[in-house]
PDB file of N, CA and C in Angstrom:
ATOM      1  N   UNK A   1      19.236  25.485  20.576  1.00  0.00           N
ATOM      2  CA  UNK A   1      18.814  23.921  20.628  1.00  0.00           C
ATOM      3  C   UNK A   1      17.859  24.440  19.508  1.00  0.00           C
ATOM      4  N   UNK A   2      18.116  22.979  18.722  1.00  0.00           N
ATOM      5  CA  UNK A   2      16.715  22.895  17.592  1.00  0.00           C
ATOM      6  C   UNK A   2      15.645  22.153  18.388  1.00  0.00           C
ATOM      7  N   UNK A   3      14.493  23.152  17.595  1.00  0.00           N
ATOM      8  CA  UNK A   3      12.782  22.605  18.189  1.00  0.00           C
ATOM      9  C   UNK A   3      12.488  21.374  17.120  1.00  0.00           C
ATOM     10  N   UNK A   4      11.158  20.850  17.667  1.00  0.00           N
ATOM     11  CA  UNK A   4      10.548  19.830  16.745  1.00  0.00           C
ATOM     12  C   UNK A   4      10.803  20.265  15.193  1.00  0.00           C
ATOM     13  N   UNK A   5      10.316  22.019  14.705  1.00  0.00           N
ATOM     14  CA  UNK A   5      10.009  21.830  13.867  1.00  0.00           C
ATOM     15  C   UNK A   5      11.507  22.248  12.887  1.00  0.00           C
ATOM     16  N   UNK A   6      12.571  22.881  13.535  1.00  0.00           N
ATOM     17  CA  UNK A   6      13.569  22.457  12.807  1.00  0.00           C
ATOM     18  C   UNK A   6      13.860  21.542  12.409  1.00  0.00           C
ATOM     19  N   UNK A   7      13.891  20.159  13.482  1.00  0.00           N
ATOM     20  CA  UNK A   7      14.587  19.277  13.087  1.00  0.00           C
ATOM     21  C   UNK A   7      13.559  18.543  12.028  1.00  0.00           C
ATOM     22  N   UNK A   8      12.216  18.827  11.706  1.00  0.00           N
ATOM     23  CA  UNK A   8      11.387  18.197  10.272  1.00  0.00           C
ATOM     24  C   UNK A   8      11.585  19.007   9.267  1.00  0.00           C
ATOM     25  N   UNK A   9      11.692  20.468   9.234  1.00  0.00           N
ATOM     26  CA  UNK A   9      12.503  21.132   8.407  1.00  0.00           C
ATOM     27  C   UNK A   9      14.020  20.364   7.483  1.00  0.00           C
ATOM     28  N   UNK A  10      14.915  20.245   8.734  1.00  0.00           N
ATOM     29  CA  UNK A  10      16.016  19.745   8.444  1.00  0.00           C
ATOM     30  C   UNK A  10      15.931  17.990   7.619  1.00  0.00           C
ATOM     31  N   UNK A  11      15.138  17.362   7.820  1.00  0.00           N
ATOM     32  CA  UNK A  11      14.821  16.073   7.586  1.00  0.00           C
ATOM     33  C   UNK A  11      14.315  16.511   5.993  1.00  0.00           C
ATOM     34  N   UNK A  12      13.104  17.468   5.892  1.00  0.00           N
ATOM     35  CA  UNK A  12      12.162  17.291   4.583  1.00  0.00           C
ATOM     36  C   UNK A  12      13.627  17.975   3.624  1.00  0.00           C
ATOM     37  N   UNK A  13      14.412  18.408   3.852  1.00  0.00           N
ATOM     38  CA  UNK A  13      15.389  19.215   3.214  1.00  0.00           C
ATOM     39  C   UNK A  13      16.078  17.995   2.460  1.00  0.00           C
ATOM     40  N   UNK A  14      16.870  17.338   3.803  1.00  0.00           N
ATOM     41  CA  UNK A  14      17.544  16.383   3.176  1.00  0.00           C
ATOM     42  C   UNK A  14      17.225  15.312   2.637  1.00  0.00           C
ATOM     43  N   UNK A  15      15.941  14.918   2.507  1.00  0.00           N
ATOM     44  CA  UNK A  15      14.918  13.737   1.534  1.00  0.00           C
ATOM     45  C   UNK A  15      14.690  14.557   0.128  1.00  0.00           C
ATOM     46  N   UNK A  16      14.561  15.700   0.299  1.00  0.00           N
ATOM     47  CA  UNK A  16      14.348  16.282  -1.109  1.00  0.00           C
ATOM     48  C   UNK A  16      15.701  16.565  -1.994  1.00  0.00           C
ATOM     49  N   UNK A  17      16.770  16.714  -1.097  1.00  0.00           N
ATOM     50  CA  UNK A  17      18.143  16.644  -1.872  1.00  0.00           C
ATOM     51  C   UNK A  17      18.081  15.369  -2.307  1.00  0.00           C
ATOM     52  N   UNK A  18      18.086  14.277  -1.531  1.00  0.00           N
ATOM     53  CA  UNK A  18      18.203  13.092  -2.069  1.00  0.00           C
ATOM     54  C   UNK A  18      17.601  13.005  -3.211  1.00  0.00           C
ATOM     55  N   UNK A  19      16.035  12.922  -3.085  1.00  0.00           N
ATOM     56  CA  UNK A  19      15.241  12.931  -4.209  1.00  0.00           C
ATOM     57  C   UNK A  19      15.516  13.722  -5.570  1.00  0.00           C
ATOM     58  N   UNK A  20      16.533  14.762  -5.537  1.00  0.00           N
ATOM     59  CA  UNK A  20      16.787  15.441  -6.594  1.00  0.00           C
ATOM     60  C   UNK A  20      17.885  15.036  -6.829  1.00  0.00           C
ATOM     61  N   UNK A  21      19.006  14.569  -6.218  1.00  0.00           N
ATOM     62  CA  UNK A  21      19.859  13.658  -6.606  1.00  0.00           C
ATOM     63  C   UNK A  21      19.628  12.293  -7.290  1.00  0.00           C
ATOM     64  N   UNK A  22      18.814  11.096  -7.062  1.00  0.00           N
ATOM     65  CA  UNK A  22      18.414  10.348  -7.748  1.00  0.00           C
ATOM     66  C   UNK A  22      17.793  10.798  -9.139  1.00  0.00           C
ATOM     67  N   UNK A  23      17.078  11.797  -8.824  1.00  0.00           N
ATOM     68  CA  UNK A  23      16.241  11.883 -10.157  1.00  0.00           C
ATOM     69  C   UNK A  23      17.354  12.660 -11.450  1.00  0.00           C
ATOM     70  N   UNK A  24      18.041  13.203 -11.049  1.00  0.00           N
ATOM     71  CA  UNK A  24      19.355  13.607 -12.083  1.00  0.00           C
ATOM     72  C   UNK A  24      20.506  13.027 -12.212  1.00  0.00           C
ATOM     73  N   UNK A  25      20.647  11.758 -11.418  1.00  0.00           N
ATOM     74  CA  UNK A  25      21.677  10.694 -11.581  1.00  0.00           C
ATOM     75  C   UNK A  25      20.526   9.653 -12.517  1.00  0.00           C
ATOM     76  N   UNK A  26      19.465   9.528 -12.308  1.00  0.00           N
ATOM     77  CA  UNK A  26      18.964   8.736 -13.638  1.00  0.00           C
ATOM     78  C   UNK A  26      18.343   9.419 -15.228  1.00  0.00           C
ATOM     79  N   UNK A  27      18.032  10.940 -14.774  1.00  0.00           N
ATOM     80  CA  UNK A  27      18.275  11.334 -16.453  1.00  0.00           C
ATOM     81  C   UNK A  27      19.650  11.175 -17.148  1.00  0.00           C
ATOM     82  N   UNK A  28      20.509  10.898 -16.183  1.00  0.00           N
ATOM     83  CA  UNK A  28      22.217  11.334 -16.861  1.00  0.00           C
ATOM     84  C   UNK A  28      21.980  10.281 -17.757  1.00  0.00           C
ATOM     85  N   UNK A  29      21.454   8.794 -17.713  1.00  0.00           N
ATOM     86  CA  UNK A  29      21.651   7.727 -18.433  1.00  0.00           C
ATOM     87  C   UNK A  29      20.216   7.683 -19.835  1.00  0.00           C
ATOM     88  N   UNK A  30      19.218   8.538 -19.407  1.00  0.00           N
ATOM     89  CA  UNK A  30      18.396   8.326 -20.213  1.00  0.00           C
ATOM     90  C   UNK A  30      17.922   9.404 -21.089  1.00  0.00           C
ATOM     91  N   UNK A  31      18.287   9.494 -22.377  1.00  0.00           N
ATOM     92  CA  UNK A  31      18.017  10.655 -22.861  1.00  0.00           C
ATOM     93  C   UNK A  31      16.565  10.397 -23.760  1.00  0.00           C
ATOM     94  N   UNK A  32      15.958  11.682 -24.350  1.00  0.00           N
ATOM     95  CA  UNK A  32      14.650  11.945 -24.562  1.00  0.00           C
ATOM     96  C   UNK A  32      15.111  11.142 -26.181  1.00  0.00           C
ATOM     97  N   UNK A  33      14.346  10.171 -26.539  1.00  0.00           N
ATOM     98  CA  UNK A  33      14.846   9.591 -27.896  1.00  0.00           C
ATOM     99  C   UNK A  33      13.274   9.975 -29.421  1.00  0.00           C
ATOM    100  N   UNK A  34      12.139  10.591 -28.568  1.00  0.00           N
ATOM    101  CA  UNK A  34      11.089  10.821 -29.296  1.00  0.00           C
ATOM    102  C   UNK A  34       9.829   9.997 -28.971  1.00  0.00           C
ATOM    103  N   UNK A  35      10.084   9.289 -27.991  1.00  0.00           N
ATOM    104  CA  UNK A  35       9.197   8.211 -27.441  1.00  0.00           C
ATOM    105  C   UNK A  35       8.916   7.952 -26.693  1.00  0.00           C
ATOM    106  N   UNK A  36       8.002   7.350 -26.006  1.00  0.00           N
ATOM    107  CA  UNK A  36       8.396   6.760 -24.365  1.00  0.00           C
ATOM    108  C   UNK A  36       9.074   5.795 -24.178  1.00  0.00           C
ATOM    109  N   UNK A  37      10.122   5.993 -23.081  1.00  0.00           N
ATOM    110  CA  UNK A  37      11.083   4.967 -22.582  1.00  0.00           C
ATOM    111  C   UNK A  37      10.059   3.511 -22.158  1.00  0.00           C
ATOM    112  N   UNK A  38       8.995   3.884 -21.669  1.00  0.00           N
ATOM    113  CA  UNK A  38       8.231   2.607 -20.901  1.00  0.00           C
ATOM    114  C   UNK A  38       6.889   2.069 -22.390  1.00  0.00           C
ATOM    115  N   UNK A  39       6.407   3.106 -22.861  1.00  0.00           N
ATOM    116  CA  UNK A  39       5.448   2.080 -23.531  1.00  0.00           C
ATOM    117  C   UNK A  39       5.462   2.766 -25.295  1.00  0.00           C
ATOM    118  N   UNK A  40       6.837   3.314 -25.582  1.00  0.00           N
ATOM    119  CA  UNK A  40       6.526   3.383 -27.119  1.00  0.00           C
ATOM    120  C   UNK A  40       5.979   4.379 -27.267  1.00  0.00           C
ATOM    121  N   UNK A  41       4.873   5.055 -26.553  1.00  0.00           N
ATOM    122  CA  UNK A  41       4.118   6.471 -27.347  1.00  0.00           C
ATOM    123  C   UNK A  41       4.882   7.056 -27.714  1.00  0.00           C
ATOM    124  N   UNK A  42       4.418   7.813 -29.078  1.00  0.00           N
ATOM    125  CA  UNK A  42       5.295   8.976 -29.573  1.00  0.00           C
ATOM    126  C   UNK A  42       4.348  10.405 -29.605  1.00  0.00           C
ATOM    127  N   UNK A  43       3.200  10.198 -29.133  1.00  0.00           N
ATOM    128  CA  UNK A  43       2.198  11.391 -29.256  1.00  0.00           C
ATOM    129  C   UNK A  43       2.986  12.824 -28.562  1.00  0.00           C
ATOM    130  N   UNK A  44       3.880  13.697 -29.294  1.00  0.00           N
ATOM    131  CA  UNK A  44       4.116  14.946 -28.530  1.00  0.00           C
ATOM    132  C   UNK A  44       5.194  14.534 -27.153  1.00  0.00           C
ATOM    133  N   UNK A  45       5.926  14.050 -27.181  1.00  0.00           N
ATOM    134  CA  UNK A  45       6.727  13.920 -26.156  1.00  0.00           C
ATOM    135  C   UNK A  45       8.005  14.084 -26.793  1.00  0.00           C
ATOM    136  N   UNK A  46       8.245  14.833 -27.833  1.00  0.00           N
ATOM    137  CA  UNK A  46       9.649  15.212 -28.051  1.00  0.00           C
ATOM    138  C   UNK A  46      10.783  14.861 -27.314  1.00  0.00           C
ATOM    139  N   UNK A  47      10.763  16.116 -26.259  1.00  0.00           N
ATOM    140  CA  UNK A  47      11.913  16.213 -25.335  1.00  0.00           C
ATOM    141  C   UNK A  47      11.553  15.685 -24.111  1.00  0.00           C
ATOM    142  N   UNK A  48      10.559  14.803 -23.546  1.00  0.00           N
ATOM    143  CA  UNK A  48      10.590  13.840 -22.368  1.00  0.00           C
ATOM    144  C   UNK A  48      10.685  12.596 -22.579  1.00  0.00           C
ATOM    145  N   UNK A  49      10.894  12.057 -21.323  1.00  0.00           N
ATOM    146  CA  UNK A  49      11.457  10.666 -21.466  1.00  0.00           C
ATOM    147  C   UNK A  49      10.327   9.770 -21.232  1.00  0.00           C
ATOM    148  N   UNK A  50       9.083  10.191 -20.863  1.00  0.00           N
ATOM    149  CA  UNK A  50       8.210   9.361 -20.355  1.00  0.00           C
ATOM    150  C   UNK A  50       7.043  10.019 -21.019  1.00  0.00           C
ATOM    151  N   UNK A  51       5.784   9.429 -21.317  1.00  0.00           N
ATOM    152  CA  UNK A  51       4.425  10.195 -21.969  1.00  0.00           C
ATOM    153  C   UNK A  51       3.607  10.452 -20.538  1.00  0.00           C
ATOM    154  N   UNK A  52       3.548  10.010 -19.638  1.00  0.00           N
ATOM    155  CA  UNK A  52       3.220  10.140 -18.088  1.00  0.00           C
ATOM    156  C   UNK A  52       3.660   9.785 -16.681  1.00  0.00           C
ATOM    157  N   UNK A  53       3.157  10.574 -15.412  1.00  0.00           N
ATOM    158  CA  UNK A  53       3.940  10.047 -14.175  1.00  0.00           C
ATOM    159  C   UNK A  53       3.764   7.917 -13.969  1.00  0.00           C
ATOM    160  N   UNK A  54       2.444   7.803 -14.631  1.00  0.00           N
ATOM    161  CA  UNK A  54       2.347   6.285 -14.765  1.00  0.00           C
ATOM    162  C   UNK A  54       3.710   5.301 -15.293  1.00  0.00           C
ATOM    163  N   UNK A  55       4.140   5.779 -16.275  1.00  0.00           N
ATOM    164  CA  UNK A  55       4.537   5.054 -17.053  1.00  0.00           C
ATOM    165  C   UNK A  55       6.050   5.386 -16.405  1.00  0.00           C
ATOM    166  N   UNK A  56       6.737   6.425 -15.791  1.00  0.00           N
ATOM    167  CA  UNK A  56       7.773   7.227 -15.770  1.00  0.00           C
ATOM    168  C   UNK A  56       7.591   5.793 -14.110  1.00  0.00           C
ATOM    169  N   UNK A  57       6.558   5.853 -13.336  1.00  0.00           N
ATOM    170  CA  UNK A  57       6.951   4.898 -12.029  1.00  0.00           C
ATOM    171  C   UNK A  57       6.924   3.409 -12.806  1.00  0.00           C
ATOM    172  N   UNK A  58       6.342   3.055 -13.554  1.00  0.00           N
ATOM    173  CA  UNK A  58       6.603   1.714 -14.047  1.00  0.00           C
ATOM    174  C   UNK A  58       7.352   1.348 -14.723  1.00  0.00           C
ATOM    175  N   UNK A  59       8.470   2.213 -15.130  1.00  0.00           N
ATOM    176  CA  UNK A  59       9.516   2.045 -15.644  1.00  0.00           C
ATOM    177  C   UNK A  59      10.817   1.819 -14.597  1.00  0.00           C
ATOM    178  N   UNK A  60      10.301   2.957 -13.526  1.00  0.00           N
ATOM    179  CA  UNK A  60      11.096   2.645 -12.483  1.00  0.00           C
ATOM    180  C   UNK A  60      11.004   1.572 -11.810  1.00  0.00           C
ATOM    181  N   UNK A  61       9.814   1.012 -11.589  1.00  0.00           N
ATOM    182  CA  UNK A  61       9.643  -0.476 -10.711  1.00  0.00           C
ATOM    183  C   UNK A  61      10.447  -1.460 -11.391  1.00  0.00           C
ATOM    184  N   UNK A  62       9.800  -1.478 -12.569  1.00  0.00           N
ATOM    185  CA  UNK A  62      10.543  -2.449 -13.775  1.00  0.00           C
ATOM    186  C   UNK A  62      12.204  -2.383 -13.882  1.00  0.00           C
ATOM    187  N   UNK A  63      13.168  -1.484 -13.674  1.00  0.00           N
ATOM    188  CA  UNK A  63      14.173  -1.247 -13.649  1.00  0.00           C
ATOM    189  C   UNK A  63      14.748  -1.688 -12.670  1.00  0.00           C
ATOM    190  N   UNK A  64      14.016  -1.067 -11.413  1.00  0.00           N
ATOM    191  CA  UNK A  64      14.524  -1.728 -10.198  1.00  0.00           C
ATOM    192  C   UNK A  64      14.550  -3.028  -9.850  1.00  0.00           C
ATOM    193  N   UNK A  65      13.735  -3.748 -10.303  1.00  0.00           N
ATOM    194  CA  UNK A  65      13.432  -4.917 -10.276  1.00  0.00           C
ATOM    195  C   UNK A  65      14.383  -5.995 -10.957  1.00  0.00           C
ATOM    196  N   UNK A  66      14.882  -5.479 -12.497  1.00  0.00           N
ATOM    197  CA  UNK A  66      15.953  -6.016 -13.073  1.00  0.00           C
ATOM    198  C   UNK A  66      17.180  -5.987 -12.476  1.00  0.00           C
ATOM    199  N   UNK A  67      17.379  -4.853 -12.137  1.00  0.00           N
ATOM    200  CA  UNK A  67      18.919  -4.626 -11.170  1.00  0.00           C
ATOM    201  C   UNK A  67      18.607  -5.567  -9.805  1.00  0.00           C
ATOM    202  N   UNK A  68      17.793  -5.721  -9.311  1.00  0.00           N
ATOM    203  CA  UNK A  68      18.326  -6.681  -8.420  1.00  0.00           C
ATOM    204  C   UNK A  68      18.031  -8.284  -8.560  1.00  0.00           C
ATOM    205  N   UNK A  69      17.326  -8.757  -9.365  1.00  0.00           N
ATOM    206  CA  UNK A  69      17.596  -9.959 -10.202  1.00  0.00           C
ATOM    207  C   UNK A  69      18.617  -9.743 -11.438  1.00  0.00           C
ATOM    208  N   UNK A  70      19.478  -9.130 -11.550  1.00  0.00           N
ATOM    209  CA  UNK A  70      20.512  -9.514 -12.245  1.00  0.00           C
ATOM    210  C   UNK A  70      20.629  -9.400 -13.628  1.00  0.00           C
ATOM    211  N   UNK A  71      19.122  -8.962 -14.073  1.00  0.00           N
ATOM    212  CA  UNK A  71      19.143  -9.074 -15.531  1.00  0.00           C
ATOM    213  C   UNK A  71      19.068  -7.974 -16.183  1.00  0.00           C
ATOM    214  N   UNK A  72      19.385  -7.924 -17.683  1.00  0.00           N
ATOM    215  CA  UNK A  72      19.742  -7.123 -18.585  1.00  0.00           C
ATOM    216  C   UNK A  72      18.831  -5.579 -18.193  1.00  0.00           C
ATOM    217  N   UNK A  73      19.042  -4.777 -18.252  1.00  0.00           N
ATOM    218  CA  UNK A  73      18.358  -3.466 -17.968  1.00  0.00           C
ATOM    219  C   UNK A  73      18.230  -2.447 -19.055  1.00  0.00           C
ATOM    220  N   UNK A  74      17.294  -2.084 -19.637  1.00  0.00           N
ATOM    221  CA  UNK A  74      17.776  -1.301 -21.048  1.00  0.00           C
ATOM    222  C   UNK A  74      17.619  -0.081 -20.284  1.00  0.00           C
ATOM    223  N   UNK A  75      18.265   1.009 -20.953  1.00  0.00           N
ATOM    224  CA  UNK A  75      18.324   2.406 -20.579  1.00  0.00           C
ATOM    225  C   UNK A  75      17.598   2.746 -21.755  1.00  0.00           C
TER     226      UNK A  75
END
C-alpha cells in the first residue's frame, strides 16, 4: 500500500513529465533564429530561443492569449 510520500512522488513525476512534454512540443515549432523570439535582442543568443526567462514567459503568455482569442500566432 502506498503511503503519502509515494503518492506525492508519483504526482511530482507526472507533473514533471507533463512539463517536459510541453517544453519539447513548444520547442518543436520554434527554432533558434539568432535573436529573441519575444523582444528581438540579438546579443549572444545564436542557439537559444529567448534572451532570458522573462522573455520566454512573456512570449508564452502572449501566445496562449492569441490562441484563446483566435488571433494569428507568430511562431
